[in-house]
Amino acid sequence: MSLPPGPSGLPIVGNLFDVPVDFQWLKYAEWSKKFGSDVIHLDVGGMPVVVLHSFEACFDLLEKRSSEYSSRADTPMLDLMGWEFQITSMKYGPRWREHRRALHSFLNIDTVRRFRPRQQRATHTFLRRMLDASSENLRTELRFMLASTIMDITYGIDALPENDPYTQVADRAFKAGAIAAVPNSYSVNIFPALMHLPEWMPGSGFKKHARKWKPVTEEMVNAPFEETLRQMESDSARSSFVSLSLEKARAKDDIAQEEVVKNTAAIMYIGAMDTTVATLISFVLHMLENPDIARRAQLELDSVLEPGKLPEFDDEERLPYTTAVVKETMRMYPAAPVAVPHQHTGETDDVYRGFAIPKGSVVIPNVWAMAHDELAYPEPYVYKPERFLSEDGKLNPAICDPASFVFGFGRRICPGKHMALASTWLTIASTLRVYDIEKAKRPDGTPIEPKREYKSATLQSPEAFECNFVPRSEDAIRMIRESAEQNI
């Protein structure tokens, strides 16, 4: 039985040198078109890699056959850097299930709804701070908004607007870990046997990098957890994932669960922060480029909401066009253009559409390709929120919701999906309600055209650009100030 089509490789190394370090998803999509198949095969240094380019293929393998496609490939560099705690890269098995159970117990829809007031409070604070902030501070302000919510919900800790020690450490650790997670970023990820080389030998420079970053990773996991422990000991801890989970574990005298809680808390924090920030910055850039779309969403918000009222979560069903803007933002430039690879762990080779999927294959969902599928989304490179609407202006359930693939597949779907969607929707709707997002201007009054530039990274976010957040009216300023004051 033949393998799925793919580029021919060299002896021994296969396609190792064909896969680029940057923008791999674009090369994968190019091969998919060249070979006329949404399933392609690569040989990367002897490791079979299967890349999936359609929602159908991902659903068939990662959902319907999840018992054989729910594990992860080895990422030795991440392990060396101290990321063994992360559920995203854990092998499928009892340890993974234990951590997953802890996450789901707290991030299910019902529990997430309980924390909506905290998300709303952080969003209103963001609106207030943007009255005085410049576009240079946009990313910082969005990160503070998300950090405020996540640190509060996870640890019961208040994040600082600037120079927050927990956020700074997490940011450093995440950036290093994101690079290490790319399969061909370090030689040890492709040739795990290199782990056994002594650090002084040529070709083992990765060990020096790992030794440098492991303490940073450990600080990210331990520091906020230990702060919550101190608050619990002094009876000053707020209700949070950590405090509630530890109280439950201690009531059962389950000491081992403490490590699971600590690991899971760190996962909640790093998993939600940068993906949501990347999506929201892309939204701002889309509004700069498409002011007519922003105005249409504002007309809907103005006609549906009462005067002087900011949007609330319960308003979502009454705001289909605004919701379509959220969906199109997630689709156009998905924050994670390639999902975390799965691994086929069946006892024998699998068969799909007459092709052999070798046992042990690394299976990569190309999210970018799914988001730009011309059959699912005609004119995929045009920003068109109305593609998600029916002729009557309501959301069209026949159109594939990007949320069905940007958060992963099967048993490895992101457990923070509901919280991330809620934060994204509320921030976009609230921002459009009170602000016009305008192009910055030069001293002579001419507009500065924003540049759409994205660096290749595990998480895709626009490079810095200039813009102005301009309150839509005096009533908008009043809404911003009053909502922020109510949260004090």
Protein backbone atom coordinates (compact mmCIF):
# COMPACT_ATOMS: atom_id res chain seq x y z
CA MET A 1 0.00 0.00 0.00
CA SER A 2 1.37 3.41 -0.95
CA LEU A 3 2.07 6.35 1.31
CA PRO A 4 0.27 9.67 0.82
CA PRO A 5 1.93 11.81 -1.88
CA GLY A 6 4.77 14.14 -0.98
CA PRO A 7 8.12 15.51 -2.09
CA SER A 8 10.88 13.02 -2.79
CA GLY A 9 13.75 13.16 -0.33
CA LEU A 10 17.42 12.35 -0.04
CA PRO A 11 18.80 9.07 1.30
CA ILE A 12 18.87 8.85 5.12
CA VAL A 13 17.81 12.47 5.81
CA GLY A 14 14.72 12.34 3.58
CA ASN A 15 12.98 15.74 3.49
CA LEU A 16 14.92 17.12 6.45
CA PHE A 17 16.32 20.00 4.40
CA ASP A 18 13.12 20.57 2.43
CA VAL A 19 11.07 21.70 5.43
CA PRO A 20 11.83 25.38 6.09
CA VAL A 21 12.44 26.70 9.59
CA ASP A 22 10.11 29.65 8.88
CA PHE A 23 6.48 29.60 7.69
CA GLN A 24 6.34 25.81 7.41
CA TRP A 25 2.56 25.93 6.99
CA LEU A 26 2.90 27.80 3.69
CA LYS A 27 5.32 25.20 2.32
CA TYR A 28 3.05 22.39 3.45
CA ALA A 29 0.12 24.07 1.69
CA GLU A 30 2.23 24.51 -1.44
CA TRP A 31 3.02 20.79 -1.48
CA SER A 32 -0.64 19.97 -0.87
CA LYS A 33 -1.62 21.91 -4.00
CA LYS A 34 1.26 20.52 -6.03
CA PHE A 35 0.31 16.92 -5.29
CA GLY A 36 -3.44 17.54 -5.34
CA SER A 37 -3.97 15.98 -1.93
CA ASP A 38 -5.09 17.29 1.45
CA VAL A 39 -2.98 14.53 3.05
CA ILE A 40 0.76 14.54 2.31
CA HIS A 41 3.70 12.51 3.60
CA LEU A 42 7.24 13.59 4.49
CA ASP A 43 10.25 11.68 5.71
CA VAL A 44 12.13 13.90 8.16
CA GLY A 45 15.36 12.18 9.10
CA GLY A 46 13.65 8.79 9.15
CA MET A 47 10.59 10.07 11.03
CA PRO A 48 7.33 9.68 9.06
CA VAL A 49 5.35 12.93 9.05
CA VAL A 50 1.79 13.25 7.74
CA VAL A 51 0.37 16.75 7.23
CA LEU A 52 -3.41 17.23 7.08
CA HIS A 53 -4.78 20.20 5.14
CA SER A 54 -8.55 19.85 5.45
CA PHE A 55 -11.05 19.82 8.28
CA GLU A 56 -12.47 16.57 6.88
CA ALA A 57 -9.13 14.74 7.12
CA CYS A 58 -8.49 16.07 10.63
CA PHE A 59 -11.96 15.06 11.76
CA ASP A 60 -11.69 11.59 10.23
CA LEU A 61 -8.35 10.80 11.87
CA LEU A 62 -8.04 12.96 14.99
CA GLU A 63 -11.69 12.84 16.08
CA LYS A 64 -13.14 9.57 14.78
CA ARG A 65 -9.94 7.60 15.43
CA SER A 66 -8.84 9.58 18.47
CA SER A 67 -7.87 6.43 20.39
CA GLU A 68 -4.95 6.01 17.96
CA TYR A 69 -4.15 9.68 17.31
CA SER A 70 -4.19 11.35 20.74
CA SER A 71 -0.56 11.08 21.75
CA ARG A 72 2.31 13.47 21.10
CA ALA A 73 5.66 13.03 19.43
CA ASP A 74 8.81 13.33 21.51
CA THR A 75 10.12 16.87 21.99
CA PRO A 76 13.41 16.27 23.79
CA MET A 77 14.40 19.93 23.84
CA LEU A 78 11.23 20.91 25.67
CA ASP A 79 11.86 18.19 28.26
CA LEU A 80 15.43 19.38 28.76
CA MET A 81 14.14 22.91 29.33
CA GLY A 82 11.76 21.78 32.07
CA TRP A 83 8.48 21.65 30.18
CA GLU A 84 7.52 18.10 31.20
CA PHE A 85 4.64 19.61 33.19
CA GLN A 86 2.86 20.87 30.08
CA ILE A 87 -0.20 18.84 29.13
CA THR A 88 0.09 20.04 25.52
CA SER A 89 3.20 17.93 24.96
CA MET A 90 2.44 15.05 27.35
CA LYS A 91 2.10 11.55 25.96
CA TYR A 92 -1.43 10.17 25.98
CA GLY A 93 -1.85 8.09 29.11
CA PRO A 94 -2.72 8.16 32.85
CA ARG A 95 -0.60 11.24 33.65
CA TRP A 96 -2.15 13.18 30.79
CA ARG A 97 -5.66 12.11 31.81
CA GLU A 98 -5.06 13.23 35.39
CA HIS A 99 -4.01 16.72 34.28
CA ARG A 100 -6.77 16.90 31.70
CA ARG A 101 -9.37 16.01 34.31
CA ALA A 102 -8.14 18.82 36.56
CA LEU A 103 -8.36 21.32 33.70
CA HIS A 104 -11.81 20.24 32.57
CA SER A 105 -13.20 20.38 36.09
CA PHE A 106 -12.44 24.10 36.11
CA LEU A 107 -12.65 25.17 32.46
CA ASN A 108 -16.00 23.64 31.51
CA ILE A 109 -18.68 26.00 30.22
CA ASP A 110 -20.58 26.25 33.52
CA THR A 111 -17.49 27.09 35.57
CA VAL A 112 -16.23 29.59 33.00
CA ARG A 113 -19.57 31.42 33.22
CA ARG A 114 -19.01 31.92 36.93
CA PHE A 115 -15.90 33.92 36.15
CA ARG A 116 -17.47 36.15 33.51
CA PRO A 117 -17.66 39.15 35.89
CA ARG A 118 -13.87 38.99 36.26
CA GLN A 119 -13.41 38.93 32.48
CA GLN A 120 -15.80 41.85 32.14
CA ARG A 121 -13.95 43.83 34.81
CA ALA A 122 -10.61 43.33 33.05
CA THR A 123 -12.13 44.34 29.68
CA HIS A 124 -13.57 47.55 31.14
CA THR A 125 -10.20 48.38 32.68
CA PHE A 126 -8.60 47.91 29.25
CA LEU A 127 -11.09 50.34 27.69
CA ARG A 128 -10.29 52.90 30.38
CA ARG A 129 -6.53 52.56 30.02
CA MET A 130 -6.73 52.95 26.24
CA LEU A 131 -8.05 56.50 26.76
CA ASP A 132 -4.50 57.47 27.68
CA ALA A 133 -2.42 54.80 25.92
CA SER A 134 -0.74 55.01 22.52
CA SER A 135 -0.50 52.29 19.90
CA GLU A 136 2.99 51.55 21.21
CA ASN A 137 1.30 50.28 24.36
CA LEU A 138 -1.44 48.25 22.66
CA ARG A 139 0.22 44.87 23.08
CA THR A 140 1.19 45.72 26.67
CA GLU A 141 -2.37 46.78 27.52
CA LEU A 142 -3.89 43.67 25.96
CA ARG A 143 -1.43 41.47 27.82
CA PHE A 144 -2.29 43.24 31.07
CA MET A 145 -6.01 42.72 30.42
CA LEU A 146 -5.52 38.99 29.82
CA ALA A 147 -3.01 38.62 32.66
CA SER A 148 -5.43 40.34 35.05
CA THR A 149 -8.14 37.84 34.20
CA ILE A 150 -6.00 34.72 34.11
CA MET A 151 -3.88 35.47 37.20
CA ASP A 152 -7.03 36.30 39.14
CA ILE A 153 -8.95 33.20 38.06
CA THR A 154 -5.99 30.83 38.28
CA TYR A 155 -4.06 32.07 41.31
CA GLY A 156 -6.17 34.80 42.93
CA ILE A 157 -3.27 37.21 42.31
CA ASP A 158 -3.51 40.77 40.98
CA ALA A 159 -1.32 41.37 37.93
CA LEU A 160 0.61 44.64 37.74
CA PRO A 161 0.10 46.95 34.72
CA GLU A 162 3.85 47.22 34.21
CA ASN A 163 6.84 45.06 35.10
CA ASP A 164 4.73 42.30 36.59
CA PRO A 165 7.26 39.69 37.78
CA TYR A 166 5.06 36.69 36.98
CA THR A 167 4.15 37.92 33.50
CA GLN A 168 7.73 38.80 32.64
CA VAL A 169 9.05 35.37 33.60
CA ALA A 170 6.21 33.60 31.79
CA ASP A 171 6.83 35.67 28.67
CA ARG A 172 10.53 34.76 28.59
CA ALA A 173 9.87 31.08 29.25
CA PHE A 174 7.09 30.86 26.67
CA LYS A 175 9.12 32.45 23.88
CA ALA A 176 12.00 30.04 24.47
CA GLY A 177 9.64 27.08 24.76
CA ALA A 178 7.78 28.01 21.58
CA ILE A 179 11.02 27.82 19.61
CA ALA A 180 12.00 24.51 21.23
CA ALA A 181 8.62 23.01 20.30
CA VAL A 182 9.26 23.39 16.56
CA PRO A 183 10.41 19.92 15.38
CA ASN A 184 13.36 21.13 13.30
CA SER A 185 14.43 24.02 15.55
CA TYR A 186 16.98 21.89 17.44
CA SER A 187 18.82 18.85 16.13
CA VAL A 188 17.95 16.85 19.25
CA ASN A 189 14.24 17.02 18.33
CA ILE A 190 15.01 15.12 15.13
CA PHE A 191 17.78 12.90 16.48
CA PRO A 192 16.91 12.22 20.17
CA ALA A 193 20.04 10.09 20.60
CA LEU A 194 22.01 13.35 20.74
CA MET A 195 20.72 13.78 24.29
CA HIS A 196 23.39 11.34 25.42
CA LEU A 197 26.28 13.46 24.13
CA PRO A 198 28.32 15.32 26.76
CA GLU A 199 27.83 19.09 26.67
CA TRP A 200 31.40 19.80 25.57
CA MET A 201 31.11 17.80 22.35
CA PRO A 202 30.36 19.51 19.01
CA GLY A 203 26.70 19.25 18.12
CA SER A 204 25.47 19.37 21.72
CA GLY A 205 25.11 23.15 22.06
CA PHE A 206 21.41 22.59 22.69
CA LYS A 207 22.31 21.38 26.18
CA LYS A 208 23.76 24.77 27.06
CA HIS A 209 20.55 26.43 25.89
CA ALA A 210 18.46 24.00 27.92
CA ARG A 211 20.54 24.59 31.06
CA LYS A 212 20.05 28.34 30.62
CA TRP A 213 16.27 28.19 30.24
CA LYS A 214 15.27 25.43 32.65
CA PRO A 215 15.44 27.68 35.77
CA VAL A 216 13.25 30.25 34.00
CA THR A 217 10.65 27.58 33.24
CA GLU A 218 10.73 26.36 36.84
CA GLU A 219 10.27 29.90 38.16
CA MET A 220 7.27 30.40 35.89
CA VAL A 221 5.62 27.27 37.30
CA ASN A 222 6.58 27.69 40.95
CA ALA A 223 6.52 31.42 41.78
CA PRO A 224 2.79 32.26 41.45
CA PHE A 225 1.79 28.90 42.92
CA GLU A 226 3.93 29.51 45.99
CA GLU A 227 2.43 32.98 46.38
CA THR A 228 -1.06 31.48 46.46
CA LEU A 229 0.14 28.96 49.07
CA ARG A 230 1.43 31.83 51.22
CA GLN A 231 -1.91 33.60 50.94
CA MET A 232 -3.78 30.42 51.89
CA GLU A 233 -1.59 29.98 54.96
CA SER A 234 -2.40 33.54 56.06
CA ASP A 235 -6.13 33.14 55.28
CA SER A 236 -5.95 35.98 52.74
CA ALA A 237 -6.34 33.92 49.55
CA ARG A 238 -9.11 34.73 47.10
CA SER A 239 -11.19 32.05 45.46
CA SER A 240 -9.20 30.69 42.50
CA PHE A 241 -8.42 27.50 40.64
CA VAL A 242 -5.39 26.83 42.85
CA SER A 243 -7.05 27.59 46.19
CA LEU A 244 -10.24 25.65 45.42
CA SER A 245 -8.37 22.67 43.94
CA LEU A 246 -5.93 22.45 46.85
CA GLU A 247 -8.71 22.65 49.41
CA LYS A 248 -10.50 19.80 47.66
CA ALA A 249 -7.29 17.71 47.44
CA ARG A 250 -6.40 18.30 51.09
CA ALA A 251 -9.89 17.35 52.19
CA LYS A 252 -9.23 13.96 50.55
CA ASP A 253 -5.68 13.85 51.93
CA ASP A 254 -4.46 13.63 48.32
CA ILE A 255 -0.92 15.01 48.55
CA ALA A 256 0.04 13.88 45.04
CA GLN A 257 -2.68 16.09 43.57
CA GLU A 258 -0.79 19.22 44.64
CA GLU A 259 1.75 18.70 41.85
CA VAL A 260 -1.07 18.26 39.33
CA VAL A 261 -2.68 21.50 40.51
CA LYS A 262 0.61 23.39 40.22
CA ASN A 263 1.27 22.09 36.71
CA THR A 264 -2.29 22.69 35.57
CA ALA A 265 -2.28 26.27 36.87
CA ALA A 266 0.81 27.08 34.82
CA ILE A 267 -0.80 25.52 31.75
CA MET A 268 -3.92 27.68 32.20
CA TYR A 269 -1.82 30.81 32.33
CA ILE A 270 0.53 30.26 29.39
CA GLY A 271 -2.15 28.60 27.26
CA ALA A 272 -4.57 31.52 27.24
CA MET A 273 -2.34 34.57 27.22
CA ASP A 274 -0.48 34.90 23.94
CA THR A 275 -2.99 33.21 21.64
CA THR A 276 -5.75 35.63 22.63
CA VAL A 277 -3.45 38.66 22.47
CA ALA A 278 -2.34 37.66 18.96
CA THR A 279 -5.96 37.37 17.80
CA LEU A 280 -6.91 40.75 19.27
CA ILE A 281 -3.96 42.56 17.70
CA SER A 282 -4.91 41.06 14.34
CA PHE A 283 -8.45 42.38 14.92
CA VAL A 284 -7.14 45.93 15.40
CA LEU A 285 -5.15 45.70 12.19
CA HIS A 286 -8.19 44.38 10.30
CA MET A 287 -10.28 47.33 11.51
CA LEU A 288 -7.60 49.78 10.34
CA GLU A 289 -7.68 48.18 6.91
CA ASN A 290 -11.48 47.83 6.77
CA PRO A 291 -13.14 50.86 8.39
CA ASP A 292 -16.42 50.10 6.59
CA ILE A 293 -16.59 46.75 8.41
CA ALA A 294 -15.94 48.46 11.75
CA ARG A 295 -18.74 50.96 11.03
CA ARG A 296 -21.19 48.19 10.14
CA ALA A 297 -20.45 46.40 13.42
CA GLN A 298 -20.85 49.68 15.30
CA LEU A 299 -24.24 50.28 13.67
CA GLU A 300 -25.36 46.87 14.89
CA LEU A 301 -24.07 47.53 18.40
CA ASP A 302 -25.76 50.94 18.51
CA SER A 303 -29.10 49.59 17.29
CA VAL A 304 -29.20 46.55 19.59
CA LEU A 305 -27.76 47.87 22.86
CA GLU A 306 -29.44 50.41 25.09
CA PRO A 307 -27.89 53.91 25.09
CA GLY A 308 -24.99 54.13 27.52
CA LYS A 309 -24.67 50.35 27.82
CA LEU A 310 -21.58 48.27 27.04
CA PRO A 311 -22.04 44.78 25.59
CA GLU A 312 -22.41 41.83 27.93
CA PHE A 313 -21.98 38.14 27.24
CA ASP A 314 -25.74 37.59 27.01
CA ASP A 315 -25.89 40.05 24.09
CA GLU A 316 -23.91 37.80 21.76
CA GLU A 317 -26.93 36.12 20.16
CA ARG A 318 -28.37 39.54 19.29
CA LEU A 319 -25.15 40.70 17.61
CA PRO A 320 -24.55 38.31 14.69
CA TYR A 321 -22.45 40.68 12.58
CA THR A 322 -20.16 41.52 15.50
CA THR A 323 -19.81 37.80 16.17
CA ALA A 324 -19.01 37.28 12.48
CA VAL A 325 -16.18 39.82 12.85
CA VAL A 326 -14.79 37.68 15.67
CA LYS A 327 -15.01 34.52 13.57
CA GLU A 328 -13.40 36.13 10.52
CA THR A 329 -10.58 37.51 12.68
CA MET A 330 -9.83 34.03 14.00
CA ARG A 331 -9.96 32.61 10.47
CA MET A 332 -7.97 35.14 8.48
CA TYR A 333 -4.75 34.91 10.49
CA PRO A 334 -5.10 32.03 12.97
CA ALA A 335 -2.91 32.61 16.01
CA ALA A 336 -1.49 29.09 15.75
CA PRO A 337 -1.15 28.37 12.00
CA VAL A 338 0.00 24.82 12.71
CA ALA A 339 -1.60 22.83 15.53
CA VAL A 340 0.54 20.89 17.99
CA PRO A 341 1.41 17.62 16.20
CA HIS A 342 -0.37 14.40 17.14
CA GLN A 343 1.19 10.95 16.91
CA HIS A 344 -0.28 7.76 15.51
CA THR A 345 0.19 5.15 18.24
CA GLY A 346 -1.76 2.23 16.80
CA GLU A 347 -0.13 -1.19 16.91
CA THR A 348 -0.02 -1.34 13.11
CA ASP A 349 0.01 1.04 10.17
CA ASP A 350 -3.32 2.78 9.66
CA VAL A 351 -5.15 3.06 6.34
CA TYR A 352 -6.91 6.23 5.21
CA ARG A 353 -8.38 6.74 1.74
CA GLY A 354 -6.26 3.87 0.50
CA PHE A 355 -3.05 5.41 1.84
CA ALA A 356 -0.87 3.89 4.55
CA ILE A 357 -0.28 6.01 7.65
CA PRO A 358 2.86 4.45 9.17
CA LYS A 359 2.79 3.46 12.80
CA GLY A 360 4.45 6.18 14.87
CA SER A 361 3.79 8.91 12.30
CA VAL A 362 3.80 12.51 13.49
CA VAL A 363 0.50 14.00 12.28
CA ILE A 364 0.41 17.77 11.76
CA PRO A 365 -2.89 19.66 11.27
CA ASN A 366 -2.22 22.62 8.96
CA VAL A 367 -4.65 25.12 10.48
CA TRP A 368 -3.58 27.83 8.02
CA ALA A 369 -4.61 25.66 5.08
CA MET A 370 -8.00 24.91 6.63
CA ALA A 371 -8.59 28.61 7.30
CA HIS A 372 -7.84 29.41 3.64
CA ASP A 373 -9.69 26.52 2.03
CA GLU A 374 -11.31 28.03 -1.08
CA LEU A 375 -14.20 25.56 -0.97
CA ALA A 376 -15.09 26.36 2.64
CA TYR A 377 -14.27 30.06 2.37
CA PRO A 378 -14.47 31.57 -1.15
CA GLU A 379 -11.98 34.43 -1.57
CA PRO A 380 -10.10 33.22 1.51
CA TYR A 381 -7.58 36.07 1.49
CA VAL A 382 -10.30 38.73 1.65
CA TYR A 383 -11.54 39.82 5.09
CA LYS A 384 -15.32 39.23 4.81
CA PRO A 385 -17.26 38.74 8.07
CA GLU A 386 -20.49 38.44 6.08
CA ARG A 387 -19.34 35.03 4.83
CA PHE A 388 -20.61 33.67 8.16
CA LEU A 389 -24.10 35.15 7.75
CA SER A 390 -27.23 33.96 5.96
CA GLU A 391 -29.27 36.24 3.73
CA ASP A 392 -31.46 37.10 6.72
CA GLY A 393 -28.43 38.45 8.60
CA LYS A 394 -28.25 35.59 11.09
CA LEU A 395 -25.23 33.36 11.63
CA ASN A 396 -25.17 30.60 9.03
CA PRO A 397 -24.58 27.20 10.71
CA ALA A 398 -23.62 25.72 7.34
CA ILE A 399 -20.37 27.72 7.28
CA CYS A 400 -17.49 26.04 9.13
CA ASP A 401 -16.82 27.90 12.37
CA PRO A 402 -13.05 28.55 12.73
CA ALA A 403 -13.42 27.67 16.41
CA SER A 404 -13.86 24.07 15.25
CA PHE A 405 -10.23 23.87 14.11
CA VAL A 406 -8.15 26.71 15.61
CA PHE A 407 -8.32 25.16 19.10
CA GLY A 408 -7.12 21.70 18.07
CA PHE A 409 -8.82 18.35 17.58
CA GLY A 410 -10.11 15.29 19.35
CA ARG A 411 -8.98 14.55 22.86
CA ARG A 412 -6.22 17.17 22.54
CA ILE A 413 -8.54 20.11 21.95
CA CYS A 414 -7.58 23.19 23.97
CA PRO A 415 -9.36 22.99 27.35
CA GLY A 416 -9.34 26.80 27.62
CA LYS A 417 -11.37 27.20 24.43
CA HIS A 418 -14.51 28.56 26.12
CA MET A 419 -12.62 31.13 28.17
CA ALA A 420 -10.56 32.29 25.18
CA LEU A 421 -13.65 32.67 22.99
CA ALA A 422 -15.44 34.63 25.70
CA SER A 423 -12.54 37.05 26.22
CA THR A 424 -12.06 37.55 22.48
CA TRP A 425 -15.74 38.25 21.81
CA LEU A 426 -16.21 40.64 24.72
CA THR A 427 -13.05 42.63 23.97
CA ILE A 428 -13.89 43.04 20.28
CA ALA A 429 -17.53 43.97 20.90
CA SER A 430 -16.66 46.39 23.72
CA THR A 431 -13.87 48.07 21.75
CA LEU A 432 -16.10 48.65 18.72
CA ARG A 433 -18.85 49.98 20.96
CA VAL A 434 -16.80 52.92 22.27
CA TYR A 435 -13.77 53.39 19.99
CA ASP A 436 -13.02 54.21 16.38
CA ILE A 437 -9.73 52.59 15.41
CA GLU A 438 -8.03 55.08 13.10
CA LYS A 439 -4.78 55.32 11.21
CA ALA A 440 -2.05 57.34 12.88
CA LYS A 441 -1.07 60.57 11.15
CA ARG A 442 2.18 62.28 10.31
CA PRO A 443 2.84 65.86 11.45
CA ASP A 444 1.51 67.12 8.09
CA GLY A 445 -1.78 65.28 8.65
CA THR A 446 -1.33 62.50 6.09
CA PRO A 447 -2.31 59.02 7.32
CA ILE A 448 0.30 56.38 8.04
CA GLU A 449 -0.64 53.21 6.20
CA PRO A 450 -0.25 50.19 8.51
CA LYS A 451 2.05 47.44 7.35
CA ARG A 452 0.80 43.88 7.64
CA GLU A 453 3.90 41.97 8.69
CA TYR A 454 3.97 38.67 10.52
CA LYS A 455 7.05 36.88 11.76
CA SER A 456 7.23 33.13 11.54
CA ALA A 457 6.53 31.75 14.99
CA THR A 458 4.56 29.08 16.80
CA LEU A 459 2.07 31.86 17.52
CA GLN A 460 1.43 34.30 14.70
CA SER A 461 0.95 37.96 15.65
CA PRO A 462 1.34 41.17 13.61
CA GLU A 463 4.50 43.19 13.97
CA ALA A 464 4.11 46.59 15.64
CA PHE A 465 2.05 49.17 13.76
CA GLU A 466 0.73 52.64 14.57
CA CYS A 467 -2.93 53.46 15.17
CA ASN A 468 -5.18 55.65 17.29
CA PHE A 469 -8.01 54.56 19.58
CA VAL A 470 -10.42 57.50 19.29
CA PRO A 471 -13.52 57.62 21.54
CA ARG A 472 -16.60 57.70 19.33
CA SER A 473 -18.36 60.40 21.35
CA GLU A 474 -18.66 62.06 24.74
CA ASP A 475 -21.21 59.38 25.60
CA ALA A 476 -18.59 56.75 24.76
CA ILE A 477 -16.10 58.40 27.13
CA ARG A 478 -18.78 58.44 29.82
CA MET A 479 -19.47 54.71 29.29
CA ILE A 480 -15.75 53.95 29.54
CA ARG A 481 -15.23 55.92 32.74
CA GLU A 482 -18.40 54.75 34.47
CA SER A 483 -17.77 51.07 33.71
CA ALA A 484 -14.21 51.36 35.03
CA GLU A 485 -15.37 53.14 38.19
CA GLN A 486 -17.93 50.42 38.88
CA ASN A 487 -15.09 47.90 38.91
CA ILE A 488 -12.99 49.70 41.52
